[in-house]
């Protein structure tokens, strides 16, 4: 059974592992490298997470048993919209509804905080 809970500062290294491994599949699919896309989450470093934690980003981990297998963070912008960052699920744990569970959890938190909108960025390939 999975459980979503807030992330503490001591969990950031595990979160980084989940983010890097999860986004590595996207980087491979779109031929992204640290040279041509250094800000892609598959190349994120711990200082980025530490900075976001210090800035007050709300961070949540999804645990299967006691293993961290999913991650998302949320910040609130100047228009009181929730912004989701780095929604991640480890490849071996995909297609179990974990990503949707993280999104639903963030939607609930955003409503509790009085946000009227949620924003999320994704990479999408369009074929013509």
N, C-alpha and C. Protein backbone atom coordinates (compact mmCIF):
# COMPACT_ATOMS: atom_id res chain seq x y z
N UNK A 1 0.85 -1.19 0.00
CA UNK A 1 0.00 0.00 0.00
C UNK A 1 0.88 1.24 0.00
N UNK A 2 0.55 2.18 -0.88
CA UNK A 2 1.36 3.40 -0.94
C UNK A 2 0.84 4.44 0.02
N UNK A 3 1.75 5.34 0.39
CA UNK A 3 1.42 6.42 1.31
C UNK A 3 2.15 7.67 0.86
N UNK A 4 1.47 8.81 0.88
CA UNK A 4 2.08 10.08 0.54
C UNK A 4 2.30 10.85 1.82
N UNK A 5 3.51 11.39 1.97
CA UNK A 5 3.79 12.19 3.16
C UNK A 5 4.76 13.32 2.83
N UNK A 6 4.76 14.37 3.66
CA UNK A 6 5.68 15.49 3.43
C UNK A 6 7.13 15.04 3.53
N UNK A 7 7.96 15.73 2.78
CA UNK A 7 9.40 15.45 2.74
C UNK A 7 10.11 16.36 3.74
N UNK A 8 11.04 15.78 4.48
CA UNK A 8 11.89 16.54 5.38
C UNK A 8 13.26 16.76 4.75
N UNK A 9 14.03 17.63 5.35
CA UNK A 9 15.36 17.95 4.80
C UNK A 9 16.25 16.72 4.67
N UNK A 10 16.09 15.77 5.57
CA UNK A 10 16.92 14.57 5.53
C UNK A 10 16.53 13.60 4.42
N UNK A 11 15.40 13.87 3.76
CA UNK A 11 14.92 13.01 2.67
C UNK A 11 15.35 13.51 1.29
N UNK A 12 15.99 14.67 1.24
CA UNK A 12 16.26 15.29 -0.06
C UNK A 12 17.15 14.46 -0.98
N UNK A 13 18.12 13.77 -0.44
CA UNK A 13 19.00 12.95 -1.29
C UNK A 13 18.20 11.82 -1.94
N UNK A 14 17.29 11.19 -1.19
CA UNK A 14 16.43 10.15 -1.77
C UNK A 14 15.53 10.75 -2.84
N UNK A 15 15.01 11.96 -2.59
CA UNK A 15 14.15 12.63 -3.58
C UNK A 15 14.93 12.91 -4.86
N UNK A 16 16.16 13.35 -4.72
CA UNK A 16 16.99 13.62 -5.89
C UNK A 16 17.19 12.36 -6.72
N UNK A 17 17.40 11.25 -6.06
CA UNK A 17 17.56 9.97 -6.77
C UNK A 17 16.30 9.65 -7.57
N UNK A 18 15.13 9.83 -6.96
CA UNK A 18 13.87 9.55 -7.64
C UNK A 18 13.70 10.48 -8.84
N UNK A 19 13.97 11.76 -8.65
CA UNK A 19 13.84 12.73 -9.74
C UNK A 19 14.80 12.37 -10.89
N UNK A 20 16.08 12.19 -10.56
CA UNK A 20 17.08 11.88 -11.60
C UNK A 20 16.72 10.61 -12.37
N UNK A 21 16.39 9.54 -11.65
CA UNK A 21 16.08 8.27 -12.31
C UNK A 21 14.79 8.36 -13.12
N UNK A 22 13.80 9.05 -12.59
CA UNK A 22 12.52 9.15 -13.28
C UNK A 22 12.64 9.95 -14.57
N UNK A 23 13.33 11.07 -14.51
CA UNK A 23 13.44 11.92 -15.68
C UNK A 23 14.50 11.43 -16.67
N UNK A 24 15.33 10.48 -16.28
CA UNK A 24 16.33 9.94 -17.20
C UNK A 24 15.67 9.28 -18.40
N UNK A 25 14.51 8.68 -18.20
CA UNK A 25 13.80 8.05 -19.33
C UNK A 25 13.36 9.11 -20.34
N UNK A 26 12.94 10.27 -19.85
CA UNK A 26 12.53 11.38 -20.72
C UNK A 26 13.74 11.94 -21.44
N UNK A 27 14.84 12.13 -20.71
CA UNK A 27 16.06 12.65 -21.32
C UNK A 27 16.52 11.74 -22.46
N UNK A 28 16.46 10.45 -22.22
CA UNK A 28 16.87 9.50 -23.25
C UNK A 28 15.96 9.58 -24.47
N UNK A 29 14.64 9.63 -24.23
CA UNK A 29 13.67 9.67 -25.32
C UNK A 29 13.84 10.91 -26.20
N UNK A 30 14.16 12.06 -25.59
CA UNK A 30 14.26 13.31 -26.32
C UNK A 30 15.72 13.71 -26.61
N UNK A 31 16.65 12.77 -26.38
CA UNK A 31 18.07 13.01 -26.63
C UNK A 31 18.59 14.25 -25.90
N UNK A 32 18.18 14.40 -24.65
CA UNK A 32 18.64 15.50 -23.83
C UNK A 32 19.91 15.10 -23.11
N UNK A 33 20.86 16.01 -23.08
CA UNK A 33 22.11 15.77 -22.37
C UNK A 33 22.35 16.93 -21.42
N UNK A 34 23.30 16.75 -20.54
CA UNK A 34 23.64 17.84 -19.63
C UNK A 34 24.22 19.02 -20.40
N UNK A 35 24.75 18.75 -21.58
CA UNK A 35 25.31 19.82 -22.40
C UNK A 35 24.21 20.61 -23.13
N UNK A 36 23.22 19.90 -23.70
CA UNK A 36 22.20 20.62 -24.47
C UNK A 36 20.96 20.99 -23.66
N UNK A 37 20.86 20.50 -22.43
CA UNK A 37 19.71 20.82 -21.59
C UNK A 37 20.10 20.69 -20.11
N UNK A 38 21.02 21.53 -19.65
CA UNK A 38 21.57 21.37 -18.30
C UNK A 38 20.55 21.54 -17.16
N UNK A 39 19.43 22.19 -17.41
CA UNK A 39 18.43 22.40 -16.35
C UNK A 39 17.38 21.29 -16.30
N UNK A 40 17.51 20.28 -17.15
CA UNK A 40 16.54 19.18 -17.13
C UNK A 40 16.65 18.44 -15.80
N UNK A 41 15.51 18.02 -15.24
CA UNK A 41 15.53 17.36 -13.92
C UNK A 41 16.39 16.10 -13.83
N UNK A 42 16.65 15.44 -14.95
CA UNK A 42 17.49 14.24 -14.90
C UNK A 42 18.93 14.58 -14.51
N UNK A 43 19.29 15.87 -14.62
CA UNK A 43 20.63 16.32 -14.28
C UNK A 43 20.65 17.20 -13.03
N UNK A 44 19.54 17.28 -12.34
CA UNK A 44 19.43 18.13 -11.15
C UNK A 44 20.46 17.72 -10.10
N UNK A 45 20.94 18.71 -9.37
CA UNK A 45 21.89 18.49 -8.28
C UNK A 45 21.19 18.79 -6.95
N UNK A 46 21.78 18.31 -5.89
CA UNK A 46 21.16 18.43 -4.56
C UNK A 46 20.96 19.88 -4.14
N UNK A 47 21.84 20.78 -4.56
CA UNK A 47 21.70 22.17 -4.13
C UNK A 47 20.39 22.80 -4.62
N UNK A 48 19.88 22.35 -5.76
CA UNK A 48 18.60 22.86 -6.26
C UNK A 48 17.48 22.47 -5.31
N UNK A 49 17.45 21.23 -4.88
CA UNK A 49 16.41 20.79 -3.94
C UNK A 49 16.56 21.48 -2.59
N UNK A 50 17.78 21.62 -2.13
CA UNK A 50 18.02 22.29 -0.85
C UNK A 50 17.54 23.74 -0.90
N UNK A 51 17.78 24.41 -2.01
CA UNK A 51 17.35 25.81 -2.18
C UNK A 51 15.83 25.88 -2.17
N UNK A 52 15.18 24.99 -2.91
CA UNK A 52 13.72 24.99 -2.96
C UNK A 52 13.12 24.68 -1.59
N UNK A 53 13.73 23.76 -0.88
CA UNK A 53 13.26 23.43 0.46
C UNK A 53 13.34 24.68 1.35
N UNK A 54 14.46 25.38 1.28
CA UNK A 54 14.67 26.59 2.08
C UNK A 54 13.69 27.70 1.68
N UNK A 55 13.30 27.73 0.41
CA UNK A 55 12.36 28.73 -0.08
C UNK A 55 10.91 28.41 0.28
N UNK A 56 10.68 27.25 0.88
CA UNK A 56 9.34 26.90 1.32
C UNK A 56 8.52 26.07 0.36
N UNK A 57 9.15 25.51 -0.66
CA UNK A 57 8.40 24.60 -1.52
C UNK A 57 7.85 23.47 -0.66
N UNK A 58 6.61 23.11 -0.90
CA UNK A 58 6.05 21.96 -0.22
C UNK A 58 6.44 20.73 -1.03
N UNK A 59 7.05 19.76 -0.38
CA UNK A 59 7.55 18.58 -1.07
C UNK A 59 6.87 17.35 -0.49
N UNK A 60 6.49 16.44 -1.41
CA UNK A 60 5.77 15.24 -0.99
C UNK A 60 6.39 14.02 -1.64
N UNK A 61 6.46 12.96 -0.86
CA UNK A 61 6.98 11.70 -1.37
C UNK A 61 5.91 10.64 -1.33
N UNK A 62 5.90 9.79 -2.33
CA UNK A 62 5.01 8.64 -2.35
C UNK A 62 5.86 7.42 -2.04
N UNK A 63 5.44 6.70 -1.03
CA UNK A 63 6.19 5.54 -0.55
C UNK A 63 5.40 4.27 -0.84
N UNK A 64 6.08 3.28 -1.40
CA UNK A 64 5.54 1.94 -1.58
C UNK A 64 6.25 1.09 -0.55
N UNK A 65 5.49 0.56 0.39
CA UNK A 65 6.06 -0.02 1.59
C UNK A 65 6.79 1.14 2.27
N UNK A 66 8.06 1.07 2.46
CA UNK A 66 8.79 2.20 3.04
C UNK A 66 9.81 2.79 2.06
N UNK A 67 9.66 2.42 0.77
CA UNK A 67 10.60 2.90 -0.25
C UNK A 67 10.01 4.10 -0.97
N UNK A 68 10.79 5.19 -1.06
CA UNK A 68 10.38 6.37 -1.81
C UNK A 68 10.42 6.05 -3.29
N UNK A 69 9.26 6.10 -3.95
CA UNK A 69 9.17 5.76 -5.36
C UNK A 69 8.56 6.88 -6.21
N UNK A 70 8.02 7.92 -5.54
CA UNK A 70 7.43 9.04 -6.25
C UNK A 70 7.68 10.34 -5.52
N UNK A 71 7.66 11.43 -6.25
CA UNK A 71 7.97 12.73 -5.67
C UNK A 71 7.25 13.82 -6.46
N UNK A 72 6.88 14.88 -5.75
CA UNK A 72 6.38 16.10 -6.38
C UNK A 72 6.60 17.24 -5.40
N UNK A 73 6.81 18.44 -5.93
CA UNK A 73 6.85 19.62 -5.05
C UNK A 73 5.87 20.64 -5.58
N UNK A 74 5.51 21.56 -4.69
CA UNK A 74 4.51 22.57 -5.03
C UNK A 74 4.94 23.90 -4.44
N UNK A 75 4.81 24.94 -5.25
CA UNK A 75 5.03 26.30 -4.78
C UNK A 75 3.79 27.11 -5.15
N UNK A 76 3.66 28.26 -4.53
CA UNK A 76 2.52 29.14 -4.81
C UNK A 76 3.06 30.39 -5.49
N UNK A 77 2.51 30.75 -6.65
CA UNK A 77 3.00 31.92 -7.36
C UNK A 77 2.31 33.20 -6.88
N UNK A 78 2.70 34.32 -7.49
CA UNK A 78 2.19 35.63 -7.07
C UNK A 78 0.69 35.79 -7.31
N UNK A 79 0.09 34.95 -8.15
CA UNK A 79 -1.34 35.00 -8.42
C UNK A 79 -2.12 33.95 -7.62
N UNK A 80 -1.47 33.38 -6.61
CA UNK A 80 -2.06 32.36 -5.75
C UNK A 80 -2.44 31.09 -6.52
N UNK A 81 -1.65 30.78 -7.54
CA UNK A 81 -1.81 29.52 -8.26
C UNK A 81 -0.74 28.56 -7.76
N UNK A 82 -1.12 27.32 -7.61
CA UNK A 82 -0.16 26.29 -7.22
C UNK A 82 0.62 25.86 -8.46
N UNK A 83 1.93 25.79 -8.33
CA UNK A 83 2.79 25.31 -9.41
C UNK A 83 3.41 24.00 -8.97
N UNK A 84 3.21 22.95 -9.77
CA UNK A 84 3.78 21.65 -9.46
C UNK A 84 5.12 21.51 -10.16
N UNK A 85 6.05 20.89 -9.46
CA UNK A 85 7.41 20.74 -9.98
C UNK A 85 7.87 19.29 -9.84
N UNK A 86 8.51 18.80 -10.88
CA UNK A 86 9.22 17.52 -10.85
C UNK A 86 8.37 16.34 -10.44
N UNK A 87 7.14 16.28 -10.92
CA UNK A 87 6.31 15.10 -10.67
C UNK A 87 7.06 13.89 -11.22
N UNK A 88 7.39 12.95 -10.35
CA UNK A 88 8.27 11.84 -10.70
C UNK A 88 7.78 10.53 -10.11
N UNK A 89 7.86 9.47 -10.88
CA UNK A 89 7.63 8.11 -10.39
C UNK A 89 8.72 7.24 -11.00
N UNK A 90 9.40 6.47 -10.17
CA UNK A 90 10.45 5.59 -10.69
C UNK A 90 9.89 4.67 -11.77
N UNK A 91 10.66 4.40 -12.82
CA UNK A 91 10.16 3.60 -13.94
C UNK A 91 9.54 2.26 -13.53
N UNK A 92 10.13 1.56 -12.59
CA UNK A 92 9.59 0.25 -12.19
C UNK A 92 8.27 0.34 -11.44
N UNK A 93 7.85 1.55 -11.07
CA UNK A 93 6.62 1.73 -10.30
C UNK A 93 5.54 2.48 -11.09
N UNK A 94 5.77 2.67 -12.36
CA UNK A 94 4.79 3.38 -13.20
C UNK A 94 3.62 2.46 -13.54
N UNK A 95 2.54 3.07 -13.99
CA UNK A 95 1.33 2.37 -14.41
C UNK A 95 0.61 1.70 -13.24
N UNK A 96 0.78 2.28 -12.05
CA UNK A 96 0.09 1.79 -10.86
C UNK A 96 -0.81 2.89 -10.28
N UNK A 97 -0.90 4.01 -10.98
CA UNK A 97 -1.72 5.11 -10.50
C UNK A 97 -1.01 6.04 -9.53
N UNK A 98 0.29 5.85 -9.33
CA UNK A 98 1.03 6.65 -8.35
C UNK A 98 1.12 8.12 -8.76
N UNK A 99 1.35 8.38 -10.05
CA UNK A 99 1.41 9.76 -10.52
C UNK A 99 0.08 10.46 -10.31
N UNK A 100 -1.01 9.78 -10.62
CA UNK A 100 -2.34 10.35 -10.39
C UNK A 100 -2.58 10.59 -8.92
N UNK A 101 -2.13 9.68 -8.08
CA UNK A 101 -2.29 9.87 -6.63
C UNK A 101 -1.55 11.11 -6.15
N UNK A 102 -0.35 11.32 -6.67
CA UNK A 102 0.40 12.52 -6.30
C UNK A 102 -0.31 13.79 -6.79
N UNK A 103 -0.84 13.75 -8.01
CA UNK A 103 -1.59 14.90 -8.52
C UNK A 103 -2.83 15.18 -7.68
N UNK A 104 -3.57 14.13 -7.35
CA UNK A 104 -4.78 14.30 -6.53
C UNK A 104 -4.43 14.88 -5.16
N UNK A 105 -3.33 14.42 -4.59
CA UNK A 105 -2.89 14.92 -3.28
C UNK A 105 -2.57 16.42 -3.37
N UNK A 106 -1.86 16.81 -4.44
CA UNK A 106 -1.52 18.22 -4.61
C UNK A 106 -2.76 19.06 -4.86
N UNK A 107 -3.72 18.52 -5.58
CA UNK A 107 -4.96 19.25 -5.82
C UNK A 107 -5.67 19.53 -4.49
N UNK A 108 -5.71 18.54 -3.64
CA UNK A 108 -6.33 18.70 -2.32
C UNK A 108 -5.59 19.76 -1.50
N UNK A 109 -4.25 19.69 -1.49
CA UNK A 109 -3.45 20.66 -0.74
C UNK A 109 -3.65 22.07 -1.30
N UNK A 110 -3.68 22.20 -2.62
CA UNK A 110 -3.87 23.51 -3.24
C UNK A 110 -5.22 24.10 -2.84
N UNK A 111 -6.26 23.29 -2.82
CA UNK A 111 -7.58 23.77 -2.40
C UNK A 111 -7.54 24.22 -0.94
N UNK A 112 -6.86 23.44 -0.10
CA UNK A 112 -6.74 23.80 1.32
C UNK A 112 -6.03 25.14 1.49
N UNK A 113 -5.12 25.45 0.58
CA UNK A 113 -4.37 26.70 0.63
C UNK A 113 -5.09 27.85 -0.08
N UNK A 114 -6.27 27.58 -0.62
CA UNK A 114 -7.05 28.61 -1.28
C UNK A 114 -6.63 28.93 -2.70
N UNK A 115 -5.88 28.05 -3.32
CA UNK A 115 -5.45 28.26 -4.70
C UNK A 115 -6.61 27.93 -5.65
N UNK A 116 -6.77 28.75 -6.66
CA UNK A 116 -7.84 28.53 -7.63
C UNK A 116 -7.36 27.87 -8.91
N UNK A 117 -6.06 27.66 -9.03
CA UNK A 117 -5.49 27.10 -10.25
C UNK A 117 -4.24 26.30 -9.90
N UNK A 118 -3.99 25.28 -10.71
CA UNK A 118 -2.76 24.49 -10.59
C UNK A 118 -2.08 24.52 -11.95
N UNK A 119 -0.76 24.77 -11.94
CA UNK A 119 0.03 24.78 -13.17
C UNK A 119 1.08 23.67 -13.10
N UNK A 120 1.33 23.07 -14.25
CA UNK A 120 2.38 22.07 -14.34
C UNK A 120 2.98 22.15 -15.75
N UNK A 121 4.30 22.02 -15.84
CA UNK A 121 4.97 22.02 -17.14
C UNK A 121 5.34 20.59 -17.49
N UNK A 122 5.20 20.28 -18.77
CA UNK A 122 5.60 18.95 -19.25
C UNK A 122 6.32 19.12 -20.58
N UNK A 123 7.04 18.09 -20.97
CA UNK A 123 7.62 18.03 -22.31
C UNK A 123 6.72 17.12 -23.11
N UNK A 124 6.32 17.60 -24.26
CA UNK A 124 5.44 16.79 -25.11
C UNK A 124 5.99 16.80 -26.52
N UNK A 125 6.01 15.65 -27.13
CA UNK A 125 6.45 15.56 -28.50
C UNK A 125 5.22 15.55 -29.39
N UNK A 126 5.23 16.39 -30.39
CA UNK A 126 4.13 16.46 -31.34
C UNK A 126 4.63 15.95 -32.68
N UNK A 127 3.89 15.01 -33.23
CA UNK A 127 4.25 14.47 -34.55
C UNK A 127 3.21 14.92 -35.55
N UNK A 128 3.68 15.44 -36.67
CA UNK A 128 2.77 15.91 -37.71
C UNK A 128 2.77 14.96 -38.88
